[in-house]
Amino acid sequence: MNLKYNQAYPGIDDLRRKAKSKIPRFAFEYLDGGCNEDVNLYRNTAELRDIKLNPYYLRGHDGTDMTVELFGKTYQAPFGVAPVGLQGLIWPNSPNILAKAAYEHKVPFILSTVSTSSIEEIAQITHGEFWFQLYHPAEEKLRNDIVRRLKDVECNVLVILSDVPTFGFRPRDIRNGLAMPPRMTLNNILQIMRRPHWALQTLFHGTPTFATMKPYMPKGLDMKQLGAFMDRTFSGRLDTDRIAAIRDQWKGKLVIKGIATPEDAQLAVELGADGIIVSNHGGRQLDSAESAIASLKKLVPFKDQLKVMMDSGIRSGADVARALAVGADFAFLGRTFMYSTAALGNEGGQHAMAILKRQLKQVMEQVNCSQVSDFEKHLLK
């Protein structure tokens, strides 16, 4: 795989700055922000980057191998694309761009229920090699039909989202009209006029919609009605009975995302989950929570019973290395891939993949780590 990248944007901060200059402020703030005062947003990355690795310089080195076996598949790197809602609002067609890049780089892409491309679109792009994150609907009939559609396209892994019993309090989104019900303000329109490339791409690809949910939405909803529909549809809190019902229907690999405590991890094991993703929704749900890396440290002992993966706070290849050193089996990144796509459009997915792989490879070579499973031996405790 070609790991060439645009040298004008060699770092994730470069991509973030470029993305900020190319998309309307309301879209950037939706992507970039956390909840309440952003305390946990910053805690996630700060505490992750406090992790230190031991380098061994005087030992022989047999090269680096980034491949990982996960749920019967061999991936070419120990990271994938995390689910992000309303991706097409941030950059038009971005779910398709990222799904294609993930497929070509042989890493997993997770489609969110509330993203802007449908299950069937992403299945076609990835030839069925994708994961799906389910926001649990309030109605069982709707849940069952989504699961049926996933079976029909032979989706690899079903991820059940556990950490959104209520939508996070996000002042920026409320101010920008991106709360439910959404609204388009004069200020938003002025922001769009200042970003003609984004506006033209949006015009070409069409107004972003909740594509997977489209078959279930009444036609002709205005903004207020759409908000009421989404609130009504996703008002169901996840619990053990609902997970058990999905486990009975879904014979493929099942992952529960948003796990942060040993108590919930133990329930995941008892319910027959194949893996968990340690996450706090990128700091977007509970500002007073601990960082994802702090939660991971307490959940590593469950690795002998299921796969323990992580997202939230991971921005770079070096961050992936830190998460693996603490004990994660795999890592997912959301904002990094969206910054790159917003900055570089159709090339953004490939660019981010190349940067992350090169960064991770450099860390492996520097510390003398031949396989990603050996990172834990390099953790400075």
Protein backbone atom coordinates (compact mmCIF):
# COMPACT_ATOMS: atom_id res chain seq x y z
CA MET A 1 0.00 0.00 0.00
CA ASN A 2 1.28 3.43 -0.99
CA LEU A 3 1.91 5.50 2.14
CA LYS A 4 2.62 8.79 0.36
CA TYR A 5 0.84 11.80 1.83
CA ASN A 6 0.49 15.53 1.21
CA GLN A 7 3.60 16.99 2.84
CA ALA A 8 1.89 20.35 3.29
CA TYR A 9 -0.15 18.70 6.05
CA PRO A 10 2.19 16.26 7.81
CA GLY A 11 0.54 16.46 11.23
CA ILE A 12 -2.97 16.13 12.62
CA ASP A 13 -2.90 19.71 13.92
CA ASP A 14 -2.15 20.88 10.36
CA LEU A 15 -5.24 19.03 9.15
CA ARG A 16 -7.37 20.45 11.94
CA ARG A 17 -6.36 24.02 11.06
CA LYS A 18 -7.02 23.43 7.36
CA ALA A 19 -10.41 21.84 8.12
CA LYS A 20 -11.37 24.84 10.24
CA SER A 21 -10.62 27.14 7.32
CA LYS A 22 -12.66 25.11 4.82
CA ILE A 23 -15.95 24.27 6.51
CA PRO A 24 -18.62 26.46 8.15
CA ARG A 25 -18.04 27.22 11.79
CA PHE A 26 -21.16 25.32 12.89
CA ALA A 27 -19.87 22.16 11.18
CA PHE A 28 -16.37 22.53 12.63
CA GLU A 29 -17.66 23.13 16.15
CA TYR A 30 -19.94 20.10 15.88
CA LEU A 31 -16.90 17.97 14.99
CA ASP A 32 -14.36 19.57 17.30
CA GLY A 33 -16.30 20.16 20.50
CA GLY A 34 -17.20 18.11 23.53
CA CYS A 35 -20.00 18.68 26.00
CA ASN A 36 -20.57 21.21 28.80
CA GLU A 37 -17.14 22.83 29.44
CA ASP A 38 -15.05 20.37 27.33
CA VAL A 39 -13.24 19.12 30.43
CA ASN A 40 -13.28 15.46 29.44
CA LEU A 41 -12.57 16.26 25.80
CA TYR A 42 -9.16 17.60 26.80
CA ARG A 43 -8.64 15.09 29.61
CA ASN A 44 -8.93 12.22 27.12
CA THR A 45 -5.93 13.24 25.06
CA ALA A 46 -3.89 14.79 27.87
CA GLU A 47 -3.97 11.67 30.05
CA LEU A 48 -3.36 9.39 27.07
CA ARG A 49 -0.26 11.39 26.19
CA ASP A 50 1.05 11.00 29.70
CA ILE A 51 1.70 7.33 28.84
CA LYS A 52 5.40 6.68 28.28
CA LEU A 53 7.20 3.91 26.38
CA ASN A 54 10.56 2.27 27.03
CA PRO A 55 12.89 2.10 23.98
CA TYR A 56 15.39 -0.75 23.71
CA TYR A 57 18.27 0.34 21.49
CA LEU A 58 20.85 -2.40 21.93
CA ARG A 59 18.76 -5.40 20.95
CA GLY A 60 18.41 -6.95 17.52
CA HIS A 61 15.45 -5.82 15.42
CA ASP A 62 13.53 -8.07 13.03
CA GLY A 63 11.47 -5.37 11.31
CA THR A 64 7.95 -4.18 12.07
CA ASP A 65 4.64 -5.92 11.47
CA MET A 66 1.50 -3.84 12.08
CA THR A 67 -1.01 -6.55 11.15
CA VAL A 68 -3.62 -7.59 13.70
CA GLU A 69 -6.01 -10.54 13.76
CA LEU A 70 -9.42 -9.47 15.05
CA PHE A 71 -12.66 -11.48 14.92
CA GLY A 72 -11.27 -13.82 12.28
CA LYS A 73 -10.04 -11.02 10.00
CA THR A 74 -6.48 -9.85 9.44
CA TYR A 75 -6.20 -6.06 9.41
CA GLN A 76 -3.16 -4.21 8.11
CA ALA A 77 -2.98 -1.86 11.09
CA PRO A 78 -4.27 -1.91 14.69
CA PHE A 79 -6.63 1.02 14.17
CA GLY A 80 -9.85 1.79 12.34
CA VAL A 81 -12.34 4.55 11.57
CA ALA A 82 -14.64 5.27 14.51
CA PRO A 83 -18.35 5.99 13.93
CA VAL A 84 -19.23 9.68 13.58
CA GLY A 85 -22.74 11.06 13.28
CA LEU A 86 -23.72 13.53 10.55
CA GLN A 87 -20.45 13.00 8.69
CA GLY A 88 -21.81 14.49 5.48
CA LEU A 89 -22.56 17.74 7.31
CA ILE A 90 -18.87 18.07 8.20
CA TRP A 91 -17.73 17.27 4.66
CA PRO A 92 -20.02 16.11 1.86
CA ASN A 93 -19.74 12.40 0.98
CA SER A 94 -17.23 11.82 3.78
CA PRO A 95 -18.61 8.41 4.92
CA ASN A 96 -18.06 7.07 1.41
CA ILE A 97 -14.59 8.62 1.20
CA LEU A 98 -13.53 7.07 4.51
CA ALA A 99 -15.15 3.70 3.87
CA LYS A 100 -13.26 3.43 0.58
CA ALA A 101 -9.95 4.39 2.20
CA ALA A 102 -10.49 1.92 5.05
CA TYR A 103 -11.29 -0.88 2.61
CA GLU A 104 -8.21 -0.17 0.49
CA HIS A 105 -5.96 0.03 3.56
CA LYS A 106 -7.57 -3.09 5.01
CA VAL A 107 -8.74 -1.62 8.31
CA PRO A 108 -12.30 -1.52 9.71
CA PHE A 109 -14.74 1.31 9.09
CA ILE A 110 -17.67 1.70 11.50
CA LEU A 111 -20.83 3.29 10.11
CA SER A 112 -23.05 5.11 12.60
CA THR A 113 -26.84 4.76 12.55
CA VAL A 114 -27.00 8.56 12.36
CA SER A 115 -24.38 9.05 9.66
CA THR A 116 -25.24 10.31 6.19
CA SER A 117 -24.66 7.20 4.08
CA SER A 118 -26.81 4.11 4.21
CA ILE A 119 -25.97 0.57 5.22
CA GLU A 120 -26.36 -0.54 1.62
CA GLU A 121 -24.10 2.21 0.19
CA ILE A 122 -21.26 1.40 2.57
CA ALA A 123 -21.70 -2.34 2.03
CA GLN A 124 -21.27 -1.82 -1.69
CA ILE A 125 -18.15 0.33 -1.27
CA THR A 126 -16.51 -2.11 1.17
CA HIS A 127 -17.87 -5.35 -0.31
CA GLY A 128 -19.44 -6.03 3.07
CA GLU A 129 -16.19 -5.41 4.98
CA PHE A 130 -17.52 -2.88 7.47
CA TRP A 131 -18.87 -2.62 11.02
CA PHE A 132 -22.12 -0.94 12.05
CA GLN A 133 -22.83 1.02 15.23
CA LEU A 134 -26.44 0.75 16.37
CA TYR A 135 -28.17 3.52 18.28
CA HIS A 136 -30.82 1.34 19.89
CA PRO A 137 -34.28 2.39 18.64
CA ALA A 138 -37.18 2.66 21.04
CA GLU A 139 -39.25 0.31 18.86
CA GLU A 140 -38.23 -3.34 18.54
CA LYS A 141 -39.70 -3.55 15.02
CA LEU A 142 -37.30 -0.85 13.79
CA ARG A 143 -34.34 -2.49 15.53
CA ASN A 144 -35.18 -5.86 14.01
CA ASP A 145 -35.39 -4.41 10.51
CA ILE A 146 -32.00 -2.70 10.82
CA VAL A 147 -30.48 -5.99 12.01
CA ARG A 148 -32.11 -7.75 9.04
CA ARG A 149 -30.54 -5.24 6.63
CA LEU A 150 -27.13 -5.84 8.21
CA LYS A 151 -27.53 -9.58 7.76
CA ASP A 152 -28.56 -9.09 4.14
CA VAL A 153 -25.31 -7.26 3.30
CA GLU A 154 -23.20 -9.60 5.46
CA CYS A 155 -21.87 -6.87 7.75
CA ASN A 156 -18.80 -8.05 9.69
CA VAL A 157 -19.49 -6.74 13.19
CA LEU A 158 -22.47 -5.20 14.97
CA VAL A 159 -21.53 -2.55 17.55
CA ILE A 160 -24.20 -1.62 20.08
CA LEU A 161 -23.84 1.90 21.48
CA SER A 162 -24.35 2.05 25.24
CA ASP A 163 -23.30 5.56 26.29
CA VAL A 164 -26.11 7.71 24.88
CA PRO A 165 -29.06 7.17 27.23
CA THR A 166 -29.61 10.89 26.70
CA PHE A 167 -28.00 13.29 24.24
CA GLY A 168 -25.08 15.25 25.67
CA PHE A 169 -25.47 18.93 26.58
CA ARG A 170 -23.42 20.69 23.90
CA PRO A 171 -23.67 24.49 24.11
CA ARG A 172 -22.04 25.09 20.71
CA ASP A 173 -24.52 22.86 18.91
CA ILE A 174 -27.44 24.53 20.67
CA ARG A 175 -26.11 27.97 19.73
CA ASN A 176 -25.47 26.84 16.14
CA GLY A 177 -28.89 25.27 15.64
CA LEU A 178 -27.63 21.67 15.57
CA ALA A 179 -29.60 20.51 18.59
CA MET A 180 -32.93 18.74 18.12
CA PRO A 181 -34.90 20.14 16.42
CA PRO A 182 -32.19 21.52 14.09
CA ARG A 183 -32.64 24.97 12.61
CA MET A 184 -30.87 27.04 9.97
CA THR A 185 -30.10 30.51 11.24
CA LEU A 186 -29.05 33.61 9.34
CA ASN A 187 -25.63 33.27 10.96
CA ASN A 188 -25.32 29.71 9.59
CA ILE A 189 -26.21 30.91 6.11
CA LEU A 190 -23.54 33.62 6.29
CA GLN A 191 -21.00 31.00 7.40
CA ILE A 192 -21.89 28.84 4.40
CA MET A 193 -21.43 31.78 2.02
CA ARG A 194 -17.86 32.17 3.34
CA ARG A 195 -17.07 28.53 2.52
CA PRO A 196 -17.89 28.22 -1.21
CA HIS A 197 -16.03 24.91 -1.73
CA TRP A 198 -18.06 23.24 1.04
CA ALA A 199 -21.24 24.80 -0.32
CA LEU A 200 -20.61 23.59 -3.88
CA GLN A 201 -19.75 20.09 -2.70
CA THR A 202 -22.91 20.01 -0.60
CA LEU A 203 -24.94 21.18 -3.59
CA PHE A 204 -23.37 18.43 -5.73
CA HIS A 205 -23.90 15.61 -3.21
CA GLY A 206 -27.19 16.88 -1.81
CA THR A 207 -28.34 18.00 1.61
CA PRO A 208 -27.05 15.52 4.24
CA THR A 209 -29.74 13.25 5.68
CA PHE A 210 -29.88 10.29 8.06
CA ALA A 211 -29.58 7.89 5.13
CA THR A 212 -29.94 4.60 7.02
CA MET A 213 -33.08 5.93 8.71
CA LYS A 214 -34.65 7.26 5.52
CA PRO A 215 -36.93 4.21 4.89
CA TYR A 216 -38.53 4.73 8.30
CA MET A 217 -39.04 8.50 8.14
CA PRO A 218 -42.33 10.01 6.97
CA LYS A 219 -41.90 12.08 3.83
CA GLY A 220 -41.92 15.86 3.89
CA LEU A 221 -40.77 16.44 7.47
CA ASP A 222 -39.79 19.99 8.31
CA MET A 223 -36.92 20.66 10.74
CA LYS A 224 -39.12 20.65 13.82
CA GLN A 225 -40.86 17.42 12.79
CA LEU A 226 -37.49 15.79 12.04
CA GLY A 227 -36.30 16.64 15.54
CA ALA A 228 -39.42 15.16 17.08
CA PHE A 229 -39.02 12.00 14.98
CA MET A 230 -35.38 11.50 16.01
CA ASP A 231 -36.11 12.14 19.69
CA ARG A 232 -39.00 9.70 19.59
CA THR A 233 -37.09 7.06 17.63
CA PHE A 234 -33.99 7.01 19.84
CA SER A 235 -35.49 7.48 23.26
CA GLY A 236 -34.74 3.91 24.30
CA ARG A 237 -32.04 3.35 26.93
CA LEU A 238 -29.91 0.25 26.39
CA ASP A 239 -30.24 -2.46 29.04
CA THR A 240 -29.38 -6.13 29.47
CA ASP A 241 -32.73 -7.34 28.09
CA ARG A 242 -32.27 -5.36 24.89
CA ILE A 243 -28.70 -6.59 24.47
CA ALA A 244 -29.83 -10.18 25.04
CA ALA A 245 -32.53 -9.79 22.40
CA ILE A 246 -29.96 -8.58 19.86
CA ARG A 247 -27.56 -11.38 20.81
CA ASP A 248 -30.33 -13.88 20.07
CA GLN A 249 -30.89 -12.40 16.60
CA TRP A 250 -27.32 -11.57 15.62
CA LYS A 251 -25.10 -14.61 15.12
CA GLY A 252 -22.10 -12.56 13.97
CA LYS A 253 -19.58 -10.75 16.13
CA LEU A 254 -21.15 -8.43 18.69
CA VAL A 255 -19.36 -5.50 20.34
CA ILE A 256 -20.65 -3.13 23.03
CA LYS A 257 -19.29 0.42 22.75
CA GLY A 258 -19.12 2.96 25.56
CA ILE A 259 -18.05 0.61 28.32
CA ALA A 260 -16.18 2.43 31.10
CA THR A 261 -16.49 0.27 34.24
CA PRO A 262 -15.58 -3.29 35.24
CA GLU A 263 -19.20 -3.87 36.28
CA ASP A 264 -20.48 -3.16 32.75
CA ALA A 265 -17.61 -5.15 31.23
CA GLN A 266 -18.62 -8.16 33.33
CA LEU A 267 -22.21 -7.83 32.12
CA ALA A 268 -20.94 -7.69 28.53
CA VAL A 269 -19.14 -11.00 29.10
CA GLU A 270 -22.24 -12.59 30.62
CA LEU A 271 -24.39 -11.40 27.72
CA GLY A 272 -22.12 -13.09 25.19
CA ALA A 273 -20.42 -10.05 23.67
CA ASP A 274 -17.32 -10.75 21.61
CA GLY A 275 -15.72 -7.42 22.41
CA ILE A 276 -16.07 -4.01 24.02
CA ILE A 277 -14.91 -0.58 22.94
CA VAL A 278 -13.79 1.44 25.95
CA SER A 279 -15.08 4.90 25.17
CA ASN A 280 -16.67 8.05 26.54
CA HIS A 281 -18.00 9.15 23.15
CA GLY A 282 -15.02 11.39 22.53
CA GLY A 283 -15.83 13.51 25.58
CA ARG A 284 -19.22 14.41 24.10
CA GLN A 285 -21.56 12.87 26.70
CA LEU A 286 -20.32 13.19 30.31
CA ASP A 287 -17.88 15.95 31.16
CA SER A 288 -17.37 14.64 34.70
CA ALA A 289 -16.30 11.16 33.53
CA GLU A 290 -12.75 9.87 33.72
CA SER A 291 -10.65 9.69 30.57
CA ALA A 292 -10.97 6.69 28.27
CA ILE A 293 -7.37 5.66 28.92
CA ALA A 294 -8.06 5.65 32.69
CA SER A 295 -11.05 3.38 32.09
CA LEU A 296 -8.98 1.13 29.82
CA LYS A 297 -6.45 0.48 32.58
CA LYS A 298 -9.22 -1.06 34.71
CA LEU A 299 -10.66 -3.12 31.86
CA VAL A 300 -7.52 -4.74 30.45
CA PRO A 301 -8.00 -7.81 32.74
CA PHE A 302 -11.09 -8.71 30.67
CA LYS A 303 -8.91 -9.43 27.63
CA ASP A 304 -8.91 -13.15 28.43
CA GLN A 305 -12.71 -13.17 27.92
CA LEU A 306 -13.30 -10.75 25.03
CA LYS A 307 -11.54 -8.22 22.81
CA VAL A 308 -10.90 -4.92 24.58
CA MET A 309 -10.68 -1.98 22.16
CA MET A 310 -10.61 1.77 22.72
CA ASP A 311 -11.55 5.13 21.23
CA SER A 312 -11.77 8.71 22.60
CA GLY A 313 -8.74 10.97 22.75
CA ILE A 314 -6.70 9.06 20.16
CA ARG A 315 -5.49 11.52 17.52
CA SER A 316 -2.20 10.15 16.08
CA GLY A 317 -0.18 7.04 15.38
CA ALA A 318 1.78 7.71 18.56
CA ASP A 319 -1.50 7.81 20.47
CA VAL A 320 -2.42 4.42 18.99
CA ALA A 321 0.90 3.09 20.28
CA ARG A 322 0.16 4.44 23.76
CA ALA A 323 -3.28 2.80 23.86
CA LEU A 324 -1.83 -0.53 22.72
CA ALA A 325 0.93 -0.29 25.33
CA VAL A 326 -1.65 0.10 28.09
CA GLY A 327 -3.35 -3.04 26.78
CA ALA A 328 -5.91 -2.23 24.10
CA ASP A 329 -6.29 -4.90 21.43
CA PHE A 330 -7.29 -2.28 18.86
CA ALA A 331 -7.92 1.47 18.57
CA PHE A 332 -10.39 3.67 16.71
CA LEU A 333 -10.09 7.32 15.69
CA GLY A 334 -12.92 9.64 14.69
CA ARG A 335 -11.94 13.31 14.63
CA THR A 336 -8.57 12.66 12.97
CA PHE A 337 -10.19 11.09 9.91
CA MET A 338 -12.81 13.82 9.73
CA TYR A 339 -10.21 16.62 10.00
CA SER A 340 -8.33 15.06 7.11
CA THR A 341 -11.43 14.63 4.96
CA ALA A 342 -12.65 18.17 5.66
CA ALA A 343 -9.17 19.48 4.83
CA LEU A 344 -8.44 17.45 1.70
CA GLY A 345 -11.77 16.17 0.41
CA ASN A 346 -11.54 12.98 -1.62
CA GLU A 347 -7.86 12.54 -0.71
CA GLY A 348 -8.46 12.97 3.02
CA GLY A 349 -9.07 9.32 3.85
CA GLN A 350 -5.95 8.11 2.10
CA HIS A 351 -3.89 10.91 3.62
CA ALA A 352 -4.95 10.14 7.19
CA MET A 353 -4.34 6.41 6.72
CA ALA A 354 -0.84 7.07 5.38
CA ILE A 355 0.08 9.47 8.19
CA LEU A 356 -1.19 7.16 10.94
CA LYS A 357 0.58 4.12 9.53
CA ARG A 358 3.85 6.02 9.10
CA GLN A 359 3.65 7.50 12.59
CA LEU A 360 2.94 4.13 14.16
CA LYS A 361 5.70 2.43 12.18
CA GLN A 362 8.20 5.09 13.31
CA VAL A 363 7.30 4.52 16.97
CA MET A 364 7.64 0.75 16.54
CA GLU A 365 11.07 1.13 14.96
CA GLN A 366 12.19 3.67 17.57
CA VAL A 367 11.31 1.55 20.60
CA ASN A 368 12.27 -1.76 18.91
CA CYS A 369 8.78 -3.26 18.81
CA SER A 370 8.43 -5.86 16.08
CA GLN A 371 4.71 -6.66 16.47
CA VAL A 372 1.88 -4.55 17.83
CA SER A 373 1.11 -7.25 20.39
CA ASP A 374 4.53 -6.50 21.94
CA PHE A 375 3.71 -2.88 22.83
CA GLU A 376 2.72 -3.82 26.37
CA LYS A 377 6.36 -4.89 26.98
CA HIS A 378 7.39 -1.28 26.30
CA LEU A 379 5.04 0.40 28.76
CA LEU A 380 6.91 2.47 31.35
CA LYS A 381 5.05 1.70 34.57
